Amino acid sequence: IKIHLTGELANQYDIYYRVHIQDF
């Protein structure tokens, strides 16, 4: 997955995300 913010949110925040995947 890829995720990003737009507009004013993108000017003020970074979006971080992590995933749990099979085997890892």
mmCIF file of all heavy atoms, coordinates in Angstrom:
data_MODEL
# 
_entry.id   MODEL 
# 
loop_
_atom_site.group_PDB 
_atom_site.id 
_atom_site.type_symbol 
_atom_site.label_atom_id 
_atom_site.label_alt_id 
_atom_site.label_comp_id 
_atom_site.label_asym_id 
_atom_site.label_entity_id 
_atom_site.label_seq_id 
_atom_site.pdbx_PDB_ins_code 
_atom_site.Cartn_x 
_atom_site.Cartn_y 
_atom_site.Cartn_z 
_atom_site.occupancy 
_atom_site.B_iso_or_equiv 
_atom_site.pdbx_formal_charge 
_atom_site.auth_seq_id 
_atom_site.auth_comp_id 
_atom_site.auth_asym_id 
_atom_site.auth_atom_id 
_atom_site.pdbx_PDB_model_num 
ATOM 1   N N   . ILE A 1 1  ? 0.838  -1.195  0.000  1.00 0.00 ? 1  ILE A N   1 
ATOM 2   C CA  . ILE A 1 1  ? 0.000  0.000   0.000  1.00 0.00 ? 1  ILE A CA  1 
ATOM 3   C C   . ILE A 1 1  ? 0.877  1.251   0.000  1.00 0.00 ? 1  ILE A C   1 
ATOM 4   O O   . ILE A 1 1  ? 2.004  1.234   0.518  1.00 0.00 ? 1  ILE A O   1 
ATOM 5   C CB  . ILE A 1 1  ? -0.944 0.009   1.238  1.00 0.00 ? 1  ILE A CB  1 
ATOM 6   C CG1 . ILE A 1 1  ? -2.017 1.077   1.090  1.00 0.00 ? 1  ILE A CG1 1 
ATOM 7   C CG2 . ILE A 1 1  ? -0.158 0.139   2.537  1.00 0.00 ? 1  ILE A CG2 1 
ATOM 8   C CD1 . ILE A 1 1  ? -3.120 0.966   2.138  1.00 0.00 ? 1  ILE A CD1 1 
ATOM 9   N N   . LYS A 1 2  ? 0.380  2.328   -0.621 1.00 0.00 ? 2  LYS A N   1 
ATOM 10  C CA  . LYS A 1 2  ? 0.995  3.651   -0.569 1.00 0.00 ? 2  LYS A CA  1 
ATOM 11  C C   . LYS A 1 2  ? -0.068 4.634   -0.088 1.00 0.00 ? 2  LYS A C   1 
ATOM 12  O O   . LYS A 1 2  ? -1.212 4.583   -0.543 1.00 0.00 ? 2  LYS A O   1 
ATOM 13  C CB  . LYS A 1 2  ? 1.481  4.097   -1.947 1.00 0.00 ? 2  LYS A CB  1 
ATOM 14  C CG  . LYS A 1 2  ? 2.515  3.212   -2.601 1.00 0.00 ? 2  LYS A CG  1 
ATOM 15  C CD  . LYS A 1 2  ? 2.842  3.767   -3.990 1.00 0.00 ? 2  LYS A CD  1 
ATOM 16  C CE  . LYS A 1 2  ? 3.814  2.896   -4.744 1.00 0.00 ? 2  LYS A CE  1 
ATOM 17  N NZ  . LYS A 1 2  ? 4.079  3.441   -6.116 1.00 0.00 ? 2  LYS A NZ  1 
ATOM 18  N N   . ILE A 1 3  ? 0.325  5.547   0.790  1.00 0.00 ? 3  ILE A N   1 
ATOM 19  C CA  . ILE A 1 3  ? -0.629 6.522   1.346  1.00 0.00 ? 3  ILE A CA  1 
ATOM 20  C C   . ILE A 1 3  ? 0.033  7.894   1.390  1.00 0.00 ? 3  ILE A C   1 
ATOM 21  O O   . ILE A 1 3  ? 1.210  8.011   1.759  1.00 0.00 ? 3  ILE A O   1 
ATOM 22  C CB  . ILE A 1 3  ? -1.067 6.121   2.776  1.00 0.00 ? 3  ILE A CB  1 
ATOM 23  C CG1 . ILE A 1 3  ? -1.664 4.707   2.777  1.00 0.00 ? 3  ILE A CG1 1 
ATOM 24  C CG2 . ILE A 1 3  ? -2.063 7.126   3.352  1.00 0.00 ? 3  ILE A CG2 1 
ATOM 25  C CD1 . ILE A 1 3  ? -1.855 4.135   4.157  1.00 0.00 ? 3  ILE A CD1 1 
ATOM 26  N N   . HIS A 1 4  ? -0.684 8.920   0.991  1.00 0.00 ? 4  HIS A N   1 
ATOM 27  C CA  . HIS A 1 4  ? -0.159 10.284  1.113  1.00 0.00 ? 4  HIS A CA  1 
ATOM 28  C C   . HIS A 1 4  ? -1.287 11.251  1.432  1.00 0.00 ? 4  HIS A C   1 
ATOM 29  O O   . HIS A 1 4  ? -2.473 10.965  1.188  1.00 0.00 ? 4  HIS A O   1 
ATOM 30  C CB  . HIS A 1 4  ? 0.560  10.713  -0.165 1.00 0.00 ? 4  HIS A CB  1 
ATOM 31  C CG  . HIS A 1 4  ? -0.332 10.904  -1.343 1.00 0.00 ? 4  HIS A CG  1 
ATOM 32  N ND1 . HIS A 1 4  ? -0.703 9.874   -2.165 1.00 0.00 ? 4  HIS A ND1 1 
ATOM 33  C CD2 . HIS A 1 4  ? -0.942 12.025  -1.828 1.00 0.00 ? 4  HIS A CD2 1 
ATOM 34  C CE1 . HIS A 1 4  ? -1.489 10.331  -3.122 1.00 0.00 ? 4  HIS A CE1 1 
ATOM 35  N NE2 . HIS A 1 4  ? -1.660 11.631  -2.931 1.00 0.00 ? 4  HIS A NE2 1 
ATOM 36  N N   . LEU A 1 5  ? -0.934 12.391  1.979  1.00 0.00 ? 5  LEU A N   1 
ATOM 37  C CA  . LEU A 1 5  ? -1.879 13.451  2.306  1.00 0.00 ? 5  LEU A CA  1 
ATOM 38  C C   . LEU A 1 5  ? -1.937 14.468  1.176  1.00 0.00 ? 5  LEU A C   1 
ATOM 39  O O   . LEU A 1 5  ? -1.031 14.551  0.346  1.00 0.00 ? 5  LEU A O   1 
ATOM 40  C CB  . LEU A 1 5  ? -1.455 14.148  3.599  1.00 0.00 ? 5  LEU A CB  1 
ATOM 41  C CG  . LEU A 1 5  ? -1.297 13.258  4.840  1.00 0.00 ? 5  LEU A CG  1 
ATOM 42  C CD1 . LEU A 1 5  ? -0.725 14.075  5.992  1.00 0.00 ? 5  LEU A CD1 1 
ATOM 43  C CD2 . LEU A 1 5  ? -2.620 12.617  5.226  1.00 0.00 ? 5  LEU A CD2 1 
ATOM 44  N N   . THR A 1 6  ? -2.998 15.264  1.169  1.00 0.00 ? 6  THR A N   1 
ATOM 45  C CA  . THR A 1 6  ? -3.136 16.332  0.186  1.00 0.00 ? 6  THR A CA  1 
ATOM 46  C C   . THR A 1 6  ? -3.522 17.632  0.885  1.00 0.00 ? 6  THR A C   1 
ATOM 47  O O   . THR A 1 6  ? -3.862 17.645  2.072  1.00 0.00 ? 6  THR A O   1 
ATOM 48  C CB  . THR A 1 6  ? -4.205 15.986  -0.877 1.00 0.00 ? 6  THR A CB  1 
ATOM 49  O OG1 . THR A 1 6  ? -5.489 15.843  -0.221 1.00 0.00 ? 6  THR A OG1 1 
ATOM 50  C CG2 . THR A 1 6  ? -3.857 14.695  -1.602 1.00 0.00 ? 6  THR A CG2 1 
ATOM 51  N N   . GLY A 1 7  ? -3.447 18.726  0.131  1.00 0.00 ? 7  GLY A N   1 
ATOM 52  C CA  . GLY A 1 7  ? -3.931 20.006  0.624  1.00 0.00 ? 7  GLY A CA  1 
ATOM 53  C C   . GLY A 1 7  ? -3.181 20.512  1.843  1.00 0.00 ? 7  GLY A C   1 
ATOM 54  O O   . GLY A 1 7  ? -1.987 20.281  2.028  1.00 0.00 ? 7  GLY A O   1 
ATOM 55  N N   . GLU A 1 8  ? -3.918 21.195  2.743  1.00 0.00 ? 8  GLU A N   1 
ATOM 56  C CA  . GLU A 1 8  ? -3.326 21.802  3.922  1.00 0.00 ? 8  GLU A CA  1 
ATOM 57  C C   . GLU A 1 8  ? -2.766 20.762  4.892  1.00 0.00 ? 8  GLU A C   1 
ATOM 58  O O   . GLU A 1 8  ? -1.786 21.011  5.580  1.00 0.00 ? 8  GLU A O   1 
ATOM 59  C CB  . GLU A 1 8  ? -4.377 22.664  4.632  1.00 0.00 ? 8  GLU A CB  1 
ATOM 60  C CG  . GLU A 1 8  ? -3.838 23.501  5.794  1.00 0.00 ? 8  GLU A CG  1 
ATOM 61  C CD  . GLU A 1 8  ? -2.725 24.470  5.354  1.00 0.00 ? 8  GLU A CD  1 
ATOM 62  O OE1 . GLU A 1 8  ? -2.728 24.901  4.186  1.00 0.00 ? 8  GLU A OE1 1 
ATOM 63  O OE2 . GLU A 1 8  ? -1.844 24.766  6.197  1.00 0.00 ? 8  GLU A OE2 1 
ATOM 64  N N   . LEU A 1 9  ? -3.418 19.581  4.942  1.00 0.00 ? 9  LEU A N   1 
ATOM 65  C CA  . LEU A 1 9  ? -2.889 18.506  5.795  1.00 0.00 ? 9  LEU A CA  1 
ATOM 66  C C   . LEU A 1 9  ? -1.455 18.149  5.419  1.00 0.00 ? 9  LEU A C   1 
ATOM 67  O O   . LEU A 1 9  ? -0.596 17.951  6.286  1.00 0.00 ? 9  LEU A O   1 
ATOM 68  C CB  . LEU A 1 9  ? -3.766 17.258  5.659  1.00 0.00 ? 9  LEU A CB  1 
ATOM 69  C CG  . LEU A 1 9  ? -5.007 17.163  6.550  1.00 0.00 ? 9  LEU A CG  1 
ATOM 70  C CD1 . LEU A 1 9  ? -5.812 15.931  6.186  1.00 0.00 ? 9  LEU A CD1 1 
ATOM 71  C CD2 . LEU A 1 9  ? -4.616 17.130  8.028  1.00 0.00 ? 9  LEU A CD2 1 
ATOM 72  N N   . ALA A 1 10 ? -1.181 18.068  4.102  1.00 0.00 ? 10 ALA A N   1 
ATOM 73  C CA  . ALA A 1 10 ? 0.160  17.718  3.632  1.00 0.00 ? 10 ALA A CA  1 
ATOM 74  C C   . ALA A 1 10 ? 1.187  18.788  3.981  1.00 0.00 ? 10 ALA A C   1 
ATOM 75  O O   . ALA A 1 10 ? 2.377  18.500  4.093  1.00 0.00 ? 10 ALA A O   1 
ATOM 76  C CB  . ALA A 1 10 ? 0.140  17.477  2.128  1.00 0.00 ? 10 ALA A CB  1 
ATOM 77  N N   . ASN A 1 11 ? 0.737  20.038  4.157  1.00 0.00 ? 11 ASN A N   1 
ATOM 78  C CA  . ASN A 1 11 ? 1.647  21.117  4.534  1.00 0.00 ? 11 ASN A CA  1 
ATOM 79  C C   . ASN A 1 11 ? 2.042  21.055  6.007  1.00 0.00 ? 11 ASN A C   1 
ATOM 80  O O   . ASN A 1 11 ? 3.105  21.554  6.395  1.00 0.00 ? 11 ASN A O   1 
ATOM 81  C CB  . ASN A 1 11 ? 1.011  22.474  4.236  1.00 0.00 ? 11 ASN A CB  1 
ATOM 82  C CG  . ASN A 1 11 ? 0.817  22.705  2.750  1.00 0.00 ? 11 ASN A CG  1 
ATOM 83  O OD1 . ASN A 1 11 ? 1.595  22.208  1.935  1.00 0.00 ? 11 ASN A OD1 1 
ATOM 84  N ND2 . ASN A 1 11 ? -0.234 23.451  2.392  1.00 0.00 ? 11 ASN A ND2 1 
ATOM 85  N N   . GLN A 1 12 ? 1.175  20.471  6.828  1.00 0.00 ? 12 GLN A N   1 
ATOM 86  C CA  . GLN A 1 12 ? 1.400  20.473  8.269  1.00 0.00 ? 12 GLN A CA  1 
ATOM 87  C C   . GLN A 1 12 ? 1.828  19.126  8.841  1.00 0.00 ? 12 GLN A C   1 
ATOM 88  O O   . GLN A 1 12 ? 2.480  19.077  9.886  1.00 0.00 ? 12 GLN A O   1 
ATOM 89  C CB  . GLN A 1 12 ? 0.118  20.922  8.982  1.00 0.00 ? 12 GLN A CB  1 
ATOM 90  C CG  . GLN A 1 12 ? -0.313 22.341  8.646  1.00 0.00 ? 12 GLN A CG  1 
ATOM 91  C CD  . GLN A 1 12 ? -1.492 22.789  9.492  1.00 0.00 ? 12 GLN A CD  1 
ATOM 92  O OE1 . GLN A 1 12 ? -1.543 22.551  10.700 1.00 0.00 ? 12 GLN A OE1 1 
ATOM 93  N NE2 . GLN A 1 12 ? -2.463 23.442  8.855  1.00 0.00 ? 12 GLN A NE2 1 
ATOM 94  N N   . TYR A 1 13 ? 1.475  18.042  8.159  1.00 0.00 ? 13 TYR A N   1 
ATOM 95  C CA  . TYR A 1 13 ? 1.696  16.710  8.727  1.00 0.00 ? 13 TYR A CA  1 
ATOM 96  C C   . TYR A 1 13 ? 2.426  15.786  7.750  1.00 0.00 ? 13 TYR A C   1 
ATOM 97  O O   . TYR A 1 13 ? 2.328  15.932  6.528  1.00 0.00 ? 13 TYR A O   1 
ATOM 98  C CB  . TYR A 1 13 ? 0.359  16.037  9.091  1.00 0.00 ? 13 TYR A CB  1 
ATOM 99  C CG  . TYR A 1 13 ? -0.366 16.668  10.244 1.00 0.00 ? 13 TYR A CG  1 
ATOM 100 C CD1 . TYR A 1 13 ? -1.321 17.670  10.023 1.00 0.00 ? 13 TYR A CD1 1 
ATOM 101 C CD2 . TYR A 1 13 ? -0.122 16.266  11.554 1.00 0.00 ? 13 TYR A CD2 1 
ATOM 102 C CE1 . TYR A 1 13 ? -2.001 18.255  11.082 1.00 0.00 ? 13 TYR A CE1 1 
ATOM 103 C CE2 . TYR A 1 13 ? -0.803 16.841  12.620 1.00 0.00 ? 13 TYR A CE2 1 
ATOM 104 C CZ  . TYR A 1 13 ? -1.734 17.829  12.374 1.00 0.00 ? 13 TYR A CZ  1 
ATOM 105 O OH  . TYR A 1 13 ? -2.415 18.401  13.431 1.00 0.00 ? 13 TYR A OH  1 
ATOM 106 N N   . ASP A 1 14 ? 3.118  14.824  8.327  1.00 0.00 ? 14 ASP A N   1 
ATOM 107 C CA  . ASP A 1 14 ? 3.575  13.640  7.607  1.00 0.00 ? 14 ASP A CA  1 
ATOM 108 C C   . ASP A 1 14 ? 2.705  12.468  8.024  1.00 0.00 ? 14 ASP A C   1 
ATOM 109 O O   . ASP A 1 14 ? 2.364  12.321  9.209  1.00 0.00 ? 14 ASP A O   1 
ATOM 110 C CB  . ASP A 1 14 ? 5.033  13.322  7.942  1.00 0.00 ? 14 ASP A CB  1 
ATOM 111 C CG  . ASP A 1 14 ? 5.996  14.379  7.427  1.00 0.00 ? 14 ASP A CG  1 
ATOM 112 O OD1 . ASP A 1 14 ? 5.880  14.741  6.242  1.00 0.00 ? 14 ASP A OD1 1 
ATOM 113 O OD2 . ASP A 1 14 ? 6.865  14.815  8.213  1.00 0.00 ? 14 ASP A OD2 1 
ATOM 114 N N   . ILE A 1 15 ? 2.349  11.625  7.072  1.00 0.00 ? 15 ILE A N   1 
ATOM 115 C CA  . ILE A 1 15 ? 1.582  10.425  7.382  1.00 0.00 ? 15 ILE A CA  1 
ATOM 116 C C   . ILE A 1 15 ? 2.523  9.225   7.394  1.00 0.00 ? 15 ILE A C   1 
ATOM 117 O O   . ILE A 1 15 ? 3.229  8.965   6.425  1.00 0.00 ? 15 ILE A O   1 
ATOM 118 C CB  . ILE A 1 15 ? 0.425  10.210  6.378  1.00 0.00 ? 15 ILE A CB  1 
ATOM 119 C CG1 . ILE A 1 15 ? -0.346 8.927   6.683  1.00 0.00 ? 15 ILE A CG1 1 
ATOM 120 C CG2 . ILE A 1 15 ? 0.910  10.218  4.939  1.00 0.00 ? 15 ILE A CG2 1 
ATOM 121 C CD1 . ILE A 1 15 ? -1.191 9.000   7.925  1.00 0.00 ? 15 ILE A CD1 1 
ATOM 122 N N   . TYR A 1 16 ? 2.570  8.542   8.505  1.00 0.00 ? 16 TYR A N   1 
ATOM 123 C CA  . TYR A 1 16 ? 3.374  7.337   8.639  1.00 0.00 ? 16 TYR A CA  1 
ATOM 124 C C   . TYR A 1 16 ? 2.445  6.132   8.732  1.00 0.00 ? 16 TYR A C   1 
ATOM 125 O O   . TYR A 1 16 ? 1.343  6.212   9.303  1.00 0.00 ? 16 TYR A O   1 
ATOM 126 C CB  . TYR A 1 16 ? 4.253  7.397   9.890  1.00 0.00 ? 16 TYR A CB  1 
ATOM 127 C CG  . TYR A 1 16 ? 5.413  8.356   9.766  1.00 0.00 ? 16 TYR A CG  1 
ATOM 128 C CD1 . TYR A 1 16 ? 5.261  9.710   10.077 1.00 0.00 ? 16 TYR A CD1 1 
ATOM 129 C CD2 . TYR A 1 16 ? 6.664  7.908   9.345  1.00 0.00 ? 16 TYR A CD2 1 
ATOM 130 C CE1 . TYR A 1 16 ? 6.328  10.589  9.954  1.00 0.00 ? 16 TYR A CE1 1 
ATOM 131 C CE2 . TYR A 1 16 ? 7.732  8.788   9.227  1.00 0.00 ? 16 TYR A CE2 1 
ATOM 132 C CZ  . TYR A 1 16 ? 7.554  10.119  9.529  1.00 0.00 ? 16 TYR A CZ  1 
ATOM 133 O OH  . TYR A 1 16 ? 8.614  10.990  9.405  1.00 0.00 ? 16 TYR A OH  1 
ATOM 134 N N   . TYR A 1 17 ? 2.876  5.008   8.210  1.00 0.00 ? 17 TYR A N   1 
ATOM 135 C CA  . TYR A 1 17 ? 2.074  3.788   8.248  1.00 0.00 ? 17 TYR A CA  1 
ATOM 136 C C   . TYR A 1 17 ? 3.003  2.581   8.164  1.00 0.00 ? 17 TYR A C   1 
ATOM 137 O O   . TYR A 1 17 ? 4.076  2.629   7.557  1.00 0.00 ? 17 TYR A O   1 
ATOM 138 C CB  . TYR A 1 17 ? 1.053  3.766   7.100  1.00 0.00 ? 17 TYR A CB  1 
ATOM 139 C CG  . TYR A 1 17 ? 1.610  4.191   5.760  1.00 0.00 ? 17 TYR A CG  1 
ATOM 140 C CD1 . TYR A 1 17 ? 2.016  3.267   4.807  1.00 0.00 ? 17 TYR A CD1 1 
ATOM 141 C CD2 . TYR A 1 17 ? 1.748  5.547   5.459  1.00 0.00 ? 17 TYR A CD2 1 
ATOM 142 C CE1 . TYR A 1 17 ? 2.533  3.673   3.593  1.00 0.00 ? 17 TYR A CE1 1 
ATOM 143 C CE2 . TYR A 1 17 ? 2.271  5.962   4.238  1.00 0.00 ? 17 TYR A CE2 1 
ATOM 144 C CZ  . TYR A 1 17 ? 2.666  5.008   3.315  1.00 0.00 ? 17 TYR A CZ  1 
ATOM 145 O OH  . TYR A 1 17 ? 3.184  5.421   2.105  1.00 0.00 ? 17 TYR A OH  1 
ATOM 146 N N   . ARG A 1 18 ? 2.602  1.515   8.814  1.00 0.00 ? 18 ARG A N   1 
ATOM 147 C CA  . ARG A 1 18 ? 3.360  0.278   8.745  1.00 0.00 ? 18 ARG A CA  1 
ATOM 148 C C   . ARG A 1 18 ? 2.388  -0.878  8.621  1.00 0.00 ? 18 ARG A C   1 
ATOM 149 O O   . ARG A 1 18 ? 1.206  -0.758  8.985  1.00 0.00 ? 18 ARG A O   1 
ATOM 150 C CB  . ARG A 1 18 ? 4.259  0.090   9.965  1.00 0.00 ? 18 ARG A CB  1 
ATOM 151 C CG  . ARG A 1 18 ? 3.538  -0.089  11.287 1.00 0.00 ? 18 ARG A CG  1 
ATOM 152 C CD  . ARG A 1 18 ? 4.510  -0.471  12.389 1.00 0.00 ? 18 ARG A CD  1 
ATOM 153 N NE  . ARG A 1 18 ? 3.825  -0.731  13.651 1.00 0.00 ? 18 ARG A NE  1 
ATOM 154 C CZ  . ARG A 1 18 ? 4.384  -1.341  14.703 1.00 0.00 ? 18 ARG A CZ  1 
ATOM 155 N NH1 . ARG A 1 18 ? 5.647  -1.748  14.625 1.00 0.00 ? 18 ARG A NH1 1 
ATOM 156 N NH2 . ARG A 1 18 ? 3.699  -1.545  15.808 1.00 0.00 ? 18 ARG A NH2 1 
ATOM 157 N N   . VAL A 1 19 ? 2.901  -2.004  8.108  1.00 0.00 ? 19 VAL A N   1 
ATOM 158 C CA  . VAL A 1 19 ? 2.022  -3.140  7.859  1.00 0.00 ? 19 VAL A CA  1 
ATOM 159 C C   . VAL A 1 19 ? 2.598  -4.412  8.457  1.00 0.00 ? 19 VAL A C   1 
ATOM 160 O O   . VAL A 1 19 ? 3.811  -4.549  8.653  1.00 0.00 ? 19 VAL A O   1 
ATOM 161 C CB  . VAL A 1 19 ? 1.784  -3.339  6.348  1.00 0.00 ? 19 VAL A CB  1 
ATOM 162 C CG1 . VAL A 1 19 ? 1.069  -2.136  5.759  1.00 0.00 ? 19 VAL A CG1 1 
ATOM 163 C CG2 . VAL A 1 19 ? 3.093  -3.611  5.615  1.00 0.00 ? 19 VAL A CG2 1 
ATOM 164 N N   . HIS A 1 20 ? 1.694  -5.335  8.735  1.00 0.00 ? 20 HIS A N   1 
ATOM 165 C CA  . HIS A 1 20 ? 2.029  -6.676  9.187  1.00 0.00 ? 20 HIS A CA  1 
ATOM 166 C C   . HIS A 1 20 ? 1.775  -7.603  8.007  1.00 0.00 ? 20 HIS A C   1 
ATOM 167 O O   . HIS A 1 20 ? 0.665  -7.649  7.483  1.00 0.00 ? 20 HIS A O   1 
ATOM 168 C CB  . HIS A 1 20 ? 1.138  -7.051  10.383 1.00 0.00 ? 20 HIS A CB  1 
ATOM 169 C CG  . HIS A 1 20 ? 1.489  -8.346  11.054 1.00 0.00 ? 20 HIS A CG  1 
ATOM 170 N ND1 . HIS A 1 20 ? 1.182  -9.583  10.517 1.00 0.00 ? 20 HIS A ND1 1 
ATOM 171 C CD2 . HIS A 1 20 ? 2.116  -8.598  12.229 1.00 0.00 ? 20 HIS A CD2 1 
ATOM 172 C CE1 . HIS A 1 20 ? 1.594  -10.525 11.339 1.00 0.00 ? 20 HIS A CE1 1 
ATOM 173 N NE2 . HIS A 1 20 ? 2.165  -9.949  12.388 1.00 0.00 ? 20 HIS A NE2 1 
ATOM 174 N N   . ILE A 1 21 ? 2.826  -8.325  7.537  1.00 0.00 ? 21 ILE A N   1 
ATOM 175 C CA  . ILE A 1 21 ? 2.655  -9.167  6.362  1.00 0.00 ? 21 ILE A CA  1 
ATOM 176 C C   . ILE A 1 21 ? 2.989  -10.623 6.672  1.00 0.00 ? 21 ILE A C   1 
ATOM 177 O O   . ILE A 1 21 ? 3.693  -10.933 7.639  1.00 0.00 ? 21 ILE A O   1 
ATOM 178 C CB  . ILE A 1 21 ? 3.515  -8.678  5.175  1.00 0.00 ? 21 ILE A CB  1 
ATOM 179 C CG1 . ILE A 1 21 ? 5.012  -8.829  5.472  1.00 0.00 ? 21 ILE A CG1 1 
ATOM 180 C CG2 . ILE A 1 21 ? 3.170  -7.253  4.803  1.00 0.00 ? 21 ILE A CG2 1 
ATOM 181 C CD1 . ILE A 1 21 ? 5.897  -8.577  4.264  1.00 0.00 ? 21 ILE A CD1 1 
ATOM 182 N N   . GLN A 1 22 ? 2.491  -11.498 5.846  1.00 0.00 ? 22 GLN A N   1 
ATOM 183 C CA  . GLN A 1 22 ? 2.719  -12.929 5.949  1.00 0.00 ? 22 GLN A CA  1 
ATOM 184 C C   . GLN A 1 22 ? 4.209  -13.238 6.037  1.00 0.00 ? 22 GLN A C   1 
ATOM 185 O O   . GLN A 1 22 ? 5.019  -12.676 5.296  1.00 0.00 ? 22 GLN A O   1 
ATOM 186 C CB  . GLN A 1 22 ? 2.112  -13.597 4.713  1.00 0.00 ? 22 GLN A CB  1 
ATOM 187 C CG  . GLN A 1 22 ? 2.334  -15.078 4.594  1.00 0.00 ? 22 GLN A CG  1 
ATOM 188 C CD  . GLN A 1 22 ? 1.824  -15.615 3.276  1.00 0.00 ? 22 GLN A CD  1 
ATOM 189 O OE1 . GLN A 1 22 ? 1.117  -14.927 2.549  1.00 0.00 ? 22 GLN A OE1 1 
ATOM 190 N NE2 . GLN A 1 22 ? 2.169  -16.855 2.965  1.00 0.00 ? 22 GLN A NE2 1 
ATOM 191 N N   . ASP A 1 23 ? 4.578  -14.108 6.950  1.00 0.00 ? 23 ASP A N   1 
ATOM 192 C CA  . ASP A 1 23 ? 5.942  -14.629 7.153  1.00 0.00 ? 23 ASP A CA  1 
ATOM 193 C C   . ASP A 1 23 ? 6.899  -13.642 7.827  1.00 0.00 ? 23 ASP A C   1 
ATOM 194 O O   . ASP A 1 23 ? 7.878  -14.060 8.429  1.00 0.00 ? 23 ASP A O   1 
ATOM 195 C CB  . ASP A 1 23 ? 6.587  -15.087 5.832  1.00 0.00 ? 23 ASP A CB  1 
ATOM 196 C CG  . ASP A 1 23 ? 5.874  -16.272 5.208  1.00 0.00 ? 23 ASP A CG  1 
ATOM 197 O OD1 . ASP A 1 23 ? 5.090  -16.931 5.905  1.00 0.00 ? 23 ASP A OD1 1 
ATOM 198 O OD2 . ASP A 1 23 ? 6.111  -16.533 4.010  1.00 0.00 ? 23 ASP A OD2 1 
ATOM 199 N N   . PHE A 1 24 ? 6.672  -12.334 7.708  1.00 0.00 ? 24 PHE A N   1 
ATOM 200 C CA  . PHE A 1 24 ? 7.597  -11.342 8.235  1.00 0.00 ? 24 PHE A CA  1 
ATOM 201 C C   . PHE A 1 24 ? 7.099  -10.669 9.506  1.00 0.00 ? 24 PHE A C   1 
ATOM 202 O O   . PHE A 1 24 ? 7.892  -10.152 10.284 1.00 0.00 ? 24 PHE A O   1 
ATOM 203 C CB  . PHE A 1 24 ? 7.871  -10.262 7.188  1.00 0.00 ? 24 PHE A CB  1 
ATOM 204 C CG  . PHE A 1 24 ? 8.798  -10.691 6.100  1.00 0.00 ? 24 PHE A CG  1 
ATOM 205 C CD1 . PHE A 1 24 ? 8.334  -11.446 5.041  1.00 0.00 ? 24 PHE A CD1 1 
ATOM 206 C CD2 . PHE A 1 24 ? 10.142 -10.359 6.133  1.00 0.00 ? 24 PHE A CD2 1 
ATOM 207 C CE1 . PHE A 1 24 ? 9.182  -11.855 4.032  1.00 0.00 ? 24 PHE A CE1 1 
ATOM 208 C CE2 . PHE A 1 24 ? 11.003 -10.757 5.130  1.00 0.00 ? 24 PHE A CE2 1 
ATOM 209 C CZ  . PHE A 1 24 ? 10.517 -11.515 4.075  1.00 0.00 ? 24 PHE A CZ  1 
# 
